[in-house]
Amino acid sequence: MWREVKQHMSNKFIKRVVKMKYWKILSLVFCTFAFAVNCKAHAGVKQIETKYNVKIGVYAIDTNNGNSFSYRQDERFPFQSTVKMVVAAAALKNIEADERIKISSDDIVFWSPIVRLNLDRGYMTIKELAEAAMSYSDNAATNILITRLGGTKSINEFAKSIGNASFYLENLEPNLNSDPNNIHDSSTPKDMAQSVQKLLIENNVLSQENQHILKTWMMNNTTGYKKIRYGLPLGWSAAEKTGGGSGTSHDIGIVWSPACKPIVLAIYTFSNKKDNAQQADKAIAETTKFILDEFSKKNICFSATDFK
């Protein structure tokens, strides 16, 4: 019977069928054995997507053993204020921290609380501007740093230099948040997670002193209590930078327990509903719990922790 069927099928079509069969077999193999593309784990994130009506992109790295968790890790998401981690790191690496930058009311844009407080003084240092951007998500501080560094092109070059090939910044604040469907002003969860790892954990981009400074700013972040932090077990710590707007919500950084090395997290969400930010925050917190629970199955360091 196969011969009869074969006579009516082109060689090209046969190859496509065979290729599809092999692909399905390979998919089953990967879903069964590869931790990073575990189908059951993917189904868990998909349930969270459905529950909160958001698209989720995740890349996580357990630095205790090198295991990773990924879901939509290579899809583009608008980075919004998570871009400030890259901007602050570029400033720490390339400019003297105590350099003074003149500021004025012309610099003020939406959400510039720290720059506004310093207008009467008339200047802020690079270190003060970077801290304002990281711990308070100050938009004017971010723009001033980008301008001092040479514009968006210089930030893109810095991102590429640390391996973030998908990173592309085109606009300043707050315009980089204006269109969540814009492929510009975006990156991928995987690239952003790997940037976090290089900036906060590895020692080949920032000096240990500047790495500690950046981590401290992220630990003192005032905008992240309802996202990754909300999904952590009691006793865990976080150093993270949030982003969001127009119904989207993001959080990137590292989390750790007193007994274990850090886990790197980059969790991005997307929704066409502009009033969906609270649901997106909940999705990030629940995704954090889910990822930590998945990692605990492969790491005895977390075995005594209840992530539910």
C-alpha atoms as a PDB file:
ATOM      1  CA  MET A   1       0.000   0.000   0.000  1.00  0.00           C
ATOM      2  CA  TRP A   2       2.880   2.307   0.781  1.00  0.00           C
ATOM      3  CA  ARG A   3       4.179   1.892  -2.759  1.00  0.00           C
ATOM      4  CA  GLU A   4       0.815   2.967  -4.155  1.00  0.00           C
ATOM      5  CA  VAL A   5       0.735   5.993  -1.919  1.00  0.00           C
ATOM      6  CA  LYS A   6       4.328   6.814  -2.713  1.00  0.00           C
ATOM      7  CA  GLN A   7       3.558   6.888  -6.427  1.00  0.00           C
ATOM      8  CA  HIS A   8       1.111   9.718  -5.849  1.00  0.00           C
ATOM      9  CA  MET A   9       3.371  11.719  -3.617  1.00  0.00           C
ATOM     10  CA  SER A  10       6.225  13.898  -4.733  1.00  0.00           C
ATOM     11  CA  ASN A  11       9.642  13.259  -3.328  1.00  0.00           C
ATOM     12  CA  LYS A  12       9.561  16.734  -1.812  1.00  0.00           C
ATOM     13  CA  PHE A  13       6.344  16.002   0.055  1.00  0.00           C
ATOM     14  CA  ILE A  14       7.677  12.665   1.330  1.00  0.00           C
ATOM     15  CA  LYS A  15      10.728  14.414   2.705  1.00  0.00           C
ATOM     16  CA  ARG A  16       8.509  16.941   4.461  1.00  0.00           C
ATOM     17  CA  VAL A  17       6.428  14.176   6.063  1.00  0.00           C
ATOM     18  CA  VAL A  18       9.500  12.275   7.197  1.00  0.00           C
ATOM     19  CA  LYS A  19      11.051  15.471   8.504  1.00  0.00           C
ATOM     20  CA  MET A  20       7.897  16.277  10.469  1.00  0.00           C
ATOM     21  CA  LYS A  21       7.856  12.776  11.972  1.00  0.00           C
ATOM     22  CA  TYR A  22      11.466  13.081  13.044  1.00  0.00           C
ATOM     23  CA  TRP A  23      10.783  16.526  14.478  1.00  0.00           C
ATOM     24  CA  LYS A  24       7.869  15.214  16.539  1.00  0.00           C
ATOM     25  CA  ILE A  25      10.037  12.393  17.851  1.00  0.00           C
ATOM     26  CA  LEU A  26      12.824  14.822  18.738  1.00  0.00           C
ATOM     27  CA  SER A  27      10.330  17.137  20.421  1.00  0.00           C
ATOM     28  CA  LEU A  28       9.095  14.288  22.588  1.00  0.00           C
ATOM     29  CA  VAL A  29      12.643  13.383  23.510  1.00  0.00           C
ATOM     30  CA  PHE A  30      13.507  16.960  24.466  1.00  0.00           C
ATOM     31  CA  CYS A  31      10.250  17.439  26.374  1.00  0.00           C
ATOM     32  CA  THR A  32      10.960  14.297  28.353  1.00  0.00           C
ATOM     33  CA  PHE A  33      14.631  14.708  29.136  1.00  0.00           C
ATOM     34  CA  ALA A  34      15.787  18.319  28.730  1.00  0.00           C
ATOM     35  CA  PHE A  35      15.183  20.463  31.786  1.00  0.00           C
ATOM     36  CA  ALA A  36      15.282  23.734  29.849  1.00  0.00           C
ATOM     37  CA  VAL A  37      12.448  22.703  27.529  1.00  0.00           C
ATOM     38  CA  ASN A  38      10.452  20.483  29.833  1.00  0.00           C
ATOM     39  CA  CYS A  39       6.909  20.236  28.471  1.00  0.00           C
ATOM     40  CA  LYS A  40       5.274  19.896  31.872  1.00  0.00           C
ATOM     41  CA  ALA A  41       7.060  23.015  33.050  1.00  0.00           C
ATOM     42  CA  HIS A  42       6.029  24.878  29.909  1.00  0.00           C
ATOM     43  CA  ALA A  43       2.450  23.838  30.557  1.00  0.00           C
ATOM     44  CA  GLY A  44       2.719  25.351  34.026  1.00  0.00           C
ATOM     45  CA  VAL A  45       3.730  28.757  32.660  1.00  0.00           C
ATOM     46  CA  LYS A  46       1.045  28.530  29.996  1.00  0.00           C
ATOM     47  CA  GLN A  47      -1.542  28.028  32.739  1.00  0.00           C
ATOM     48  CA  ILE A  48      -0.313  31.230  34.381  1.00  0.00           C
ATOM     49  CA  GLU A  49      -0.617  33.030  31.038  1.00  0.00           C
ATOM     50  CA  THR A  50      -4.216  31.884  30.712  1.00  0.00           C
ATOM     51  CA  LYS A  51      -5.068  32.686  34.328  1.00  0.00           C
ATOM     52  CA  TYR A  52      -3.890  36.299  34.086  1.00  0.00           C
ATOM     53  CA  ASN A  53      -4.511  36.927  30.378  1.00  0.00           C
ATOM     54  CA  VAL A  54      -0.896  37.847  29.586  1.00  0.00           C
ATOM     55  CA  LYS A  55       1.918  36.561  27.411  1.00  0.00           C
ATOM     56  CA  ILE A  56       4.952  35.603  29.484  1.00  0.00           C
ATOM     57  CA  GLY A  57       8.591  35.389  28.481  1.00  0.00           C
ATOM     58  CA  VAL A  58      11.065  33.834  30.912  1.00  0.00           C
ATOM     59  CA  TYR A  59      14.715  32.948  31.161  1.00  0.00           C
ATOM     60  CA  ALA A  60      16.160  31.813  34.472  1.00  0.00           C
ATOM     61  CA  ILE A  61      19.571  30.453  35.442  1.00  0.00           C
ATOM     62  CA  ASP A  62      20.396  28.495  38.592  1.00  0.00           C
ATOM     63  CA  THR A  63      24.012  29.473  39.232  1.00  0.00           C
ATOM     64  CA  ASN A  64      24.354  26.634  41.742  1.00  0.00           C
ATOM     65  CA  ASN A  65      24.434  24.037  38.965  1.00  0.00           C
ATOM     66  CA  GLY A  66      23.996  25.829  35.629  1.00  0.00           C
ATOM     67  CA  ASN A  67      20.450  24.596  35.006  1.00  0.00           C
ATOM     68  CA  SER A  68      18.185  26.948  33.081  1.00  0.00           C
ATOM     69  CA  PHE A  69      14.463  27.427  32.596  1.00  0.00           C
ATOM     70  CA  SER A  70      13.099  29.030  29.457  1.00  0.00           C
ATOM     71  CA  TYR A  71       9.734  29.921  27.955  1.00  0.00           C
ATOM     72  CA  ARG A  72       9.405  32.305  24.993  1.00  0.00           C
ATOM     73  CA  GLN A  73      12.997  33.164  25.845  1.00  0.00           C
ATOM     74  CA  ASP A  74      13.909  34.334  22.338  1.00  0.00           C
ATOM     75  CA  GLU A  75      10.803  36.441  21.691  1.00  0.00           C
ATOM     76  CA  ARG A  76      11.091  40.218  21.809  1.00  0.00           C
ATOM     77  CA  PHE A  77       9.452  42.102  24.670  1.00  0.00           C
ATOM     78  CA  PRO A  78       9.541  45.886  25.238  1.00  0.00           C
ATOM     79  CA  PHE A  79      12.075  46.341  28.018  1.00  0.00           C
ATOM     80  CA  GLN A  80      10.661  49.613  29.334  1.00  0.00           C
ATOM     81  CA  SER A  81      12.358  50.548  32.627  1.00  0.00           C
ATOM     82  CA  THR A  82      14.392  47.337  32.852  1.00  0.00           C
ATOM     83  CA  VAL A  83      16.659  49.135  30.353  1.00  0.00           C
ATOM     84  CA  LYS A  84      17.852  51.255  33.272  1.00  0.00           C
ATOM     85  CA  MET A  85      20.014  48.403  34.562  1.00  0.00           C
ATOM     86  CA  VAL A  86      22.034  48.493  31.333  1.00  0.00           C
ATOM     87  CA  VAL A  87      22.222  52.305  31.377  1.00  0.00           C
ATOM     88  CA  ALA A  88      23.368  52.426  35.015  1.00  0.00           C
ATOM     89  CA  ALA A  89      25.962  49.705  34.418  1.00  0.00           C
ATOM     90  CA  ALA A  90      27.325  51.570  31.390  1.00  0.00           C
ATOM     91  CA  ALA A  91      27.630  54.719  33.504  1.00  0.00           C
ATOM     92  CA  LEU A  92      29.442  52.895  36.312  1.00  0.00           C
ATOM     93  CA  LYS A  93      31.874  51.353  33.860  1.00  0.00           C
ATOM     94  CA  ASN A  94      32.619  54.382  31.696  1.00  0.00           C
ATOM     95  CA  ILE A  95      32.281  57.546  33.809  1.00  0.00           C
ATOM     96  CA  GLU A  96      33.768  58.697  37.117  1.00  0.00           C
ATOM     97  CA  ALA A  97      31.098  58.261  39.783  1.00  0.00           C
ATOM     98  CA  ASP A  98      31.632  61.701  41.337  1.00  0.00           C
ATOM     99  CA  GLU A  99      31.408  63.656  38.067  1.00  0.00           C
ATOM    100  CA  ARG A 100      28.829  66.432  38.379  1.00  0.00           C
ATOM    101  CA  ILE A 101      26.151  66.931  35.732  1.00  0.00           C
ATOM    102  CA  LYS A 102      24.132  70.141  35.551  1.00  0.00           C
ATOM    103  CA  ILE A 103      20.384  69.653  35.791  1.00  0.00           C
ATOM    104  CA  SER A 104      17.465  72.003  35.168  1.00  0.00           C
ATOM    105  CA  SER A 105      13.705  72.019  34.842  1.00  0.00           C
ATOM    106  CA  ASP A 106      14.191  71.311  31.131  1.00  0.00           C
ATOM    107  CA  ASP A 107      15.282  67.795  32.086  1.00  0.00           C
ATOM    108  CA  ILE A 108      12.041  66.975  33.885  1.00  0.00           C
ATOM    109  CA  VAL A 109       9.782  64.397  32.237  1.00  0.00           C
ATOM    110  CA  PHE A 110       7.053  62.172  33.606  1.00  0.00           C
ATOM    111  CA  TRP A 111       8.227  60.469  36.802  1.00  0.00           C
ATOM    112  CA  SER A 112      11.399  62.313  37.770  1.00  0.00           C
ATOM    113  CA  PRO A 113      11.086  62.463  41.585  1.00  0.00           C
ATOM    114  CA  ILE A 114      14.781  62.504  42.515  1.00  0.00           C
ATOM    115  CA  VAL A 115      15.958  64.901  39.811  1.00  0.00           C
ATOM    116  CA  ARG A 116      13.110  67.248  40.740  1.00  0.00           C
ATOM    117  CA  LEU A 117      14.260  67.233  44.379  1.00  0.00           C
ATOM    118  CA  ASN A 118      17.742  68.347  43.277  1.00  0.00           C
ATOM    119  CA  LEU A 119      16.739  71.186  40.934  1.00  0.00           C
ATOM    120  CA  ASP A 120      17.590  73.907  43.453  1.00  0.00           C
ATOM    121  CA  ARG A 121      21.080  72.455  43.886  1.00  0.00           C
ATOM    122  CA  GLY A 122      21.493  72.508  40.107  1.00  0.00           C
ATOM    123  CA  TYR A 123      23.543  69.349  39.679  1.00  0.00           C
ATOM    124  CA  MET A 124      23.737  65.648  40.464  1.00  0.00           C
ATOM    125  CA  THR A 125      26.683  63.281  40.352  1.00  0.00           C
ATOM    126  CA  ILE A 126      26.806  60.299  38.019  1.00  0.00           C
ATOM    127  CA  LYS A 127      26.452  58.006  41.016  1.00  0.00           C
ATOM    128  CA  GLU A 128      23.393  59.903  42.273  1.00  0.00           C
ATOM    129  CA  LEU A 129      21.774  59.835  38.836  1.00  0.00           C
ATOM    130  CA  ALA A 130      22.373  56.105  38.421  1.00  0.00           C
ATOM    131  CA  GLU A 131      20.996  55.370  41.884  1.00  0.00           C
ATOM    132  CA  ALA A 132      17.918  57.483  41.115  1.00  0.00           C
ATOM    133  CA  ALA A 133      17.368  55.516  37.910  1.00  0.00           C
ATOM    134  CA  MET A 134      17.813  52.124  39.567  1.00  0.00           C
ATOM    135  CA  SER A 135      16.224  52.504  43.002  1.00  0.00           C
ATOM    136  CA  TYR A 136      13.477  54.997  42.101  1.00  0.00           C
ATOM    137  CA  SER A 137      13.136  54.437  38.335  1.00  0.00           C
ATOM    138  CA  ASP A 138      13.677  58.163  37.752  1.00  0.00           C
ATOM    139  CA  ASN A 139      13.155  58.860  34.049  1.00  0.00           C
ATOM    140  CA  ALA A 140      14.980  62.192  33.885  1.00  0.00           C
ATOM    141  CA  ALA A 141      18.026  60.654  35.574  1.00  0.00           C
ATOM    142  CA  THR A 142      18.019  57.893  32.971  1.00  0.00           C
ATOM    143  CA  ASN A 143      17.841  60.358  30.072  1.00  0.00           C
ATOM    144  CA  ILE A 144      20.652  62.485  31.505  1.00  0.00           C
ATOM    145  CA  LEU A 145      22.878  59.418  31.822  1.00  0.00           C
ATOM    146  CA  ILE A 146      22.106  58.278  28.270  1.00  0.00           C
ATOM    147  CA  THR A 147      22.945  61.736  26.922  1.00  0.00           C
ATOM    148  CA  ARG A 148      26.186  61.920  28.923  1.00  0.00           C
ATOM    149  CA  LEU A 149      27.196  58.470  27.642  1.00  0.00           C
ATOM    150  CA  GLY A 150      26.749  59.573  24.020  1.00  0.00           C
ATOM    151  CA  GLY A 151      23.112  58.790  23.245  1.00  0.00           C
ATOM    152  CA  THR A 152      21.152  55.636  22.597  1.00  0.00           C
ATOM    153  CA  LYS A 153      23.774  54.371  20.147  1.00  0.00           C
ATOM    154  CA  SER A 154      26.341  54.173  22.931  1.00  0.00           C
ATOM    155  CA  ILE A 155      23.937  52.176  25.117  1.00  0.00           C
ATOM    156  CA  ASN A 156      23.286  49.756  22.267  1.00  0.00           C
ATOM    157  CA  GLU A 157      27.030  49.343  21.768  1.00  0.00           C
ATOM    158  CA  PHE A 158      27.544  48.642  25.468  1.00  0.00           C
ATOM    159  CA  ALA A 159      24.731  46.066  25.460  1.00  0.00           C
ATOM    160  CA  LYS A 160      26.253  44.334  22.444  1.00  0.00           C
ATOM    161  CA  SER A 161      29.674  44.344  24.131  1.00  0.00           C
ATOM    162  CA  ILE A 162      28.289  42.247  26.993  1.00  0.00           C
ATOM    163  CA  GLY A 163      26.606  39.795  24.628  1.00  0.00           C
ATOM    164  CA  ASN A 164      23.075  41.214  24.440  1.00  0.00           C
ATOM    165  CA  ALA A 165      22.650  40.851  20.673  1.00  0.00           C
ATOM    166  CA  SER A 166      18.889  41.524  20.634  1.00  0.00           C
ATOM    167  CA  PHE A 167      19.069  44.763  22.644  1.00  0.00           C
ATOM    168  CA  TYR A 168      17.923  47.858  20.758  1.00  0.00           C
ATOM    169  CA  LEU A 169      17.212  51.223  22.369  1.00  0.00           C
ATOM    170  CA  GLU A 170      15.813  53.947  20.115  1.00  0.00           C
ATOM    171  CA  ASN A 171      13.938  56.384  22.355  1.00  0.00           C
ATOM    172  CA  LEU A 172      14.456  58.199  25.633  1.00  0.00           C
ATOM    173  CA  GLU A 173      12.069  58.138  28.574  1.00  0.00           C
ATOM    174  CA  PRO A 174       9.122  58.214  28.621  1.00  0.00           C
ATOM    175  CA  ASN A 175       8.721  57.619  24.874  1.00  0.00           C
ATOM    176  CA  LEU A 176      10.383  54.213  25.010  1.00  0.00           C
ATOM    177  CA  ASN A 177       7.250  53.056  26.869  1.00  0.00           C
ATOM    178  CA  SER A 178       4.732  54.543  24.445  1.00  0.00           C
ATOM    179  CA  ASP A 179       4.071  51.555  22.189  1.00  0.00           C
ATOM    180  CA  PRO A 180       4.329  48.036  23.651  1.00  0.00           C
ATOM    181  CA  ASN A 181       4.046  46.614  20.120  1.00  0.00           C
ATOM    182  CA  ASN A 182       7.177  48.455  18.969  1.00  0.00           C
ATOM    183  CA  ILE A 183      10.002  46.067  18.065  1.00  0.00           C
ATOM    184  CA  HIS A 184      12.429  48.849  18.950  1.00  0.00           C
ATOM    185  CA  ASP A 185      13.177  49.572  22.604  1.00  0.00           C
ATOM    186  CA  SER A 186      13.155  45.845  23.240  1.00  0.00           C
ATOM    187  CA  SER A 187      15.219  42.752  23.890  1.00  0.00           C
ATOM    188  CA  THR A 188      14.627  39.074  24.704  1.00  0.00           C
ATOM    189  CA  PRO A 189      14.265  37.462  28.144  1.00  0.00           C
ATOM    190  CA  LYS A 190      17.286  35.244  27.486  1.00  0.00           C
ATOM    191  CA  ASP A 191      19.572  38.115  26.519  1.00  0.00           C
ATOM    192  CA  MET A 192      18.423  40.257  29.442  1.00  0.00           C
ATOM    193  CA  ALA A 193      18.921  37.395  31.917  1.00  0.00           C
ATOM    194  CA  GLN A 194      22.413  36.765  30.607  1.00  0.00           C
ATOM    195  CA  SER A 195      23.154  40.489  30.908  1.00  0.00           C
ATOM    196  CA  VAL A 196      22.027  40.361  34.541  1.00  0.00           C
ATOM    197  CA  GLN A 197      24.376  37.441  35.136  1.00  0.00           C
ATOM    198  CA  LYS A 198      27.323  39.253  33.568  1.00  0.00           C
ATOM    199  CA  LEU A 199      26.679  42.502  35.424  1.00  0.00           C
ATOM    200  CA  LEU A 200      25.845  41.148  38.886  1.00  0.00           C
ATOM    201  CA  ILE A 201      27.591  37.772  39.161  1.00  0.00           C
ATOM    202  CA  GLU A 202      30.468  37.438  36.719  1.00  0.00           C
ATOM    203  CA  ASN A 203      33.493  39.685  37.154  1.00  0.00           C
ATOM    204  CA  ASN A 204      34.503  40.551  33.595  1.00  0.00           C
ATOM    205  CA  VAL A 205      32.340  43.661  32.984  1.00  0.00           C
ATOM    206  CA  LEU A 206      32.166  45.717  36.178  1.00  0.00           C
ATOM    207  CA  SER A 207      34.719  45.967  38.954  1.00  0.00           C
ATOM    208  CA  GLN A 208      33.767  44.227  42.195  1.00  0.00           C
ATOM    209  CA  GLU A 209      33.135  47.619  43.781  1.00  0.00           C
ATOM    210  CA  ASN A 210      30.791  48.776  41.016  1.00  0.00           C
ATOM    211  CA  GLN A 211      29.118  45.381  40.920  1.00  0.00           C
ATOM    212  CA  HIS A 212      28.370  45.724  44.636  1.00  0.00           C
ATOM    213  CA  ILE A 213      27.037  49.253  44.102  1.00  0.00           C
ATOM    214  CA  LEU A 214      24.703  48.151  41.294  1.00  0.00           C
ATOM    215  CA  LYS A 215      23.486  45.176  43.323  1.00  0.00           C
ATOM    216  CA  THR A 216      22.804  47.408  46.341  1.00  0.00           C
ATOM    217  CA  TRP A 217      20.744  49.823  44.247  1.00  0.00           C
ATOM    218  CA  MET A 218      18.707  46.893  42.951  1.00  0.00           C
ATOM    219  CA  MET A 219      18.241  45.515  46.469  1.00  0.00           C
ATOM    220  CA  ASN A 220      16.910  48.953  47.459  1.00  0.00           C
ATOM    221  CA  ASN A 221      14.525  49.154  44.503  1.00  0.00           C
ATOM    222  CA  THR A 222      11.292  50.838  45.603  1.00  0.00           C
ATOM    223  CA  THR A 223       9.092  49.684  42.705  1.00  0.00           C
ATOM    224  CA  GLY A 224       9.293  45.893  42.870  1.00  0.00           C
ATOM    225  CA  TYR A 225       7.382  44.689  45.894  1.00  0.00           C
ATOM    226  CA  LYS A 226       4.509  43.134  43.930  1.00  0.00           C
ATOM    227  CA  LYS A 227       6.553  41.280  41.312  1.00  0.00           C
ATOM    228  CA  ILE A 228       9.507  38.896  41.793  1.00  0.00           C
ATOM    229  CA  ARG A 229       9.821  39.806  45.478  1.00  0.00           C
ATOM    230  CA  TYR A 230       6.193  38.880  46.116  1.00  0.00           C
ATOM    231  CA  GLY A 231       6.867  35.370  44.835  1.00  0.00           C
ATOM    232  CA  LEU A 232       9.834  34.661  47.118  1.00  0.00           C
ATOM    233  CA  PRO A 233       9.807  32.392  50.166  1.00  0.00           C
ATOM    234  CA  LEU A 234      10.406  33.892  53.607  1.00  0.00           C
ATOM    235  CA  GLY A 235      14.084  34.623  54.184  1.00  0.00           C
ATOM    236  CA  TRP A 236      15.022  35.031  50.519  1.00  0.00           C
ATOM    237  CA  SER A 237      16.526  38.247  49.137  1.00  0.00           C
ATOM    238  CA  ALA A 238      16.282  39.990  45.777  1.00  0.00           C
ATOM    239  CA  ALA A 239      18.164  42.549  43.730  1.00  0.00           C
ATOM    240  CA  GLU A 240      15.914  43.490  40.835  1.00  0.00           C
ATOM    241  CA  LYS A 241      14.775  46.182  38.410  1.00  0.00           C
ATOM    242  CA  THR A 242      11.195  46.461  37.290  1.00  0.00           C
ATOM    243  CA  GLY A 243       9.591  47.853  34.172  1.00  0.00           C
ATOM    244  CA  GLY A 244       6.066  48.312  32.966  1.00  0.00           C
ATOM    245  CA  GLY A 245       3.391  50.377  31.309  1.00  0.00           C
ATOM    246  CA  SER A 246       0.422  50.052  28.960  1.00  0.00           C
ATOM    247  CA  GLY A 247      -0.686  46.807  30.603  1.00  0.00           C
ATOM    248  CA  THR A 248       2.753  45.184  30.604  1.00  0.00           C
ATOM    249  CA  SER A 249       4.941  44.361  33.577  1.00  0.00           C
ATOM    250  CA  HIS A 250       8.519  43.093  33.846  1.00  0.00           C
ATOM    251  CA  ASP A 251      11.133  42.277  36.448  1.00  0.00           C
ATOM    252  CA  ILE A 252      14.772  41.218  36.105  1.00  0.00           C
ATOM    253  CA  GLY A 253      17.481  40.496  38.643  1.00  0.00           C
ATOM    254  CA  ILE A 254      18.814  37.878  41.025  1.00  0.00           C
ATOM    255  CA  VAL A 255      17.269  36.126  44.027  1.00  0.00           C
ATOM    256  CA  TRP A 256      18.963  34.021  46.666  1.00  0.00           C
ATOM    257  CA  SER A 257      18.549  32.214  49.968  1.00  0.00           C
ATOM    258  CA  PRO A 258      21.144  32.400  52.777  1.00  0.00           C
ATOM    259  CA  ALA A 259      22.386  28.890  51.928  1.00  0.00           C
ATOM    260  CA  CYS A 260      22.496  28.961  48.123  1.00  0.00           C
ATOM    261  CA  LYS A 261      24.045  30.825  45.215  1.00  0.00           C
ATOM    262  CA  PRO A 262      21.777  33.237  43.297  1.00  0.00           C
ATOM    263  CA  ILE A 263      19.172  32.448  40.687  1.00  0.00           C
ATOM    264  CA  VAL A 264      19.034  34.837  37.740  1.00  0.00           C
ATOM    265  CA  LEU A 265      15.525  35.794  36.622  1.00  0.00           C
ATOM    266  CA  ALA A 266      14.197  37.747  33.666  1.00  0.00           C
ATOM    267  CA  ILE A 267      10.394  37.678  33.515  1.00  0.00           C
ATOM    268  CA  TYR A 268       8.593  39.748  30.890  1.00  0.00           C
ATOM    269  CA  THR A 269       4.880  40.013  30.192  1.00  0.00           C
ATOM    270  CA  PHE A 270       2.797  41.487  27.409  1.00  0.00           C
ATOM    271  CA  SER A 271      -0.881  42.355  27.149  1.00  0.00           C
ATOM    272  CA  ASN A 272      -2.912  44.429  24.716  1.00  0.00           C
ATOM    273  CA  LYS A 273      -5.139  45.468  27.635  1.00  0.00           C
ATOM    274  CA  LYS A 274      -3.768  48.715  29.054  1.00  0.00           C
ATOM    275  CA  ASP A 275      -5.492  48.141  32.406  1.00  0.00           C
ATOM    276  CA  ASN A 276      -3.915  44.712  32.938  1.00  0.00           C
ATOM    277  CA  ALA A 277      -0.833  45.772  34.925  1.00  0.00           C
ATOM    278  CA  GLN A 278      -2.023  44.362  38.256  1.00  0.00           C
ATOM    279  CA  GLN A 279      -2.761  41.005  36.686  1.00  0.00           C
ATOM    280  CA  ALA A 280       0.648  41.063  35.018  1.00  0.00           C
ATOM    281  CA  ASP A 281       2.313  41.738  38.394  1.00  0.00           C
ATOM    282  CA  LYS A 282       0.542  38.710  39.845  1.00  0.00           C
ATOM    283  CA  ALA A 283       1.654  36.627  36.875  1.00  0.00           C
ATOM    284  CA  ILE A 284       5.289  37.567  37.554  1.00  0.00           C
ATOM    285  CA  ALA A 285       5.018  36.648  41.238  1.00  0.00           C
ATOM    286  CA  GLU A 286       3.383  33.311  40.445  1.00  0.00           C
ATOM    287  CA  THR A 287       5.902  32.567  37.689  1.00  0.00           C
ATOM    288  CA  THR A 288       8.705  33.242  40.173  1.00  0.00           C
ATOM    289  CA  LYS A 289       7.262  30.680  42.582  1.00  0.00           C
ATOM    290  CA  PHE A 290       6.836  28.181  39.774  1.00  0.00           C
ATOM    291  CA  ILE A 291      10.411  28.547  38.517  1.00  0.00           C
ATOM    292  CA  LEU A 292      11.903  28.216  41.994  1.00  0.00           C
ATOM    293  CA  ASP A 293       9.852  25.079  42.569  1.00  0.00           C
ATOM    294  CA  GLU A 294      11.120  23.642  39.271  1.00  0.00           C
ATOM    295  CA  PHE A 295      14.721  24.410  40.197  1.00  0.00           C
ATOM    296  CA  SER A 296      14.259  22.822  43.628  1.00  0.00           C
ATOM    297  CA  LYS A 297      13.647  19.465  41.928  1.00  0.00           C
ATOM    298  CA  LYS A 298      17.199  19.556  40.562  1.00  0.00           C
ATOM    299  CA  ASN A 299      18.989  21.237  43.449  1.00  0.00           C
ATOM    300  CA  ILE A 300      19.210  19.822  46.970  1.00  0.00           C
ATOM    301  CA  CYS A 301      20.225  23.287  48.160  1.00  0.00           C
ATOM    302  CA  PHE A 302      16.554  24.299  47.900  1.00  0.00           C
ATOM    303  CA  SER A 303      15.060  20.995  49.032  1.00  0.00           C
ATOM    304  CA  ALA A 304      13.981  22.269  52.447  1.00  0.00           C
ATOM    305  CA  THR A 305      12.179  25.322  51.036  1.00  0.00           C
ATOM    306  CA  ASP A 306       8.460  25.374  50.311  1.00  0.00           C
ATOM    307  CA  PHE A 307       7.903  27.408  47.139  1.00  0.00           C
ATOM    308  CA  LYS A 308       4.143  26.886  46.938  1.00  0.00           C
END
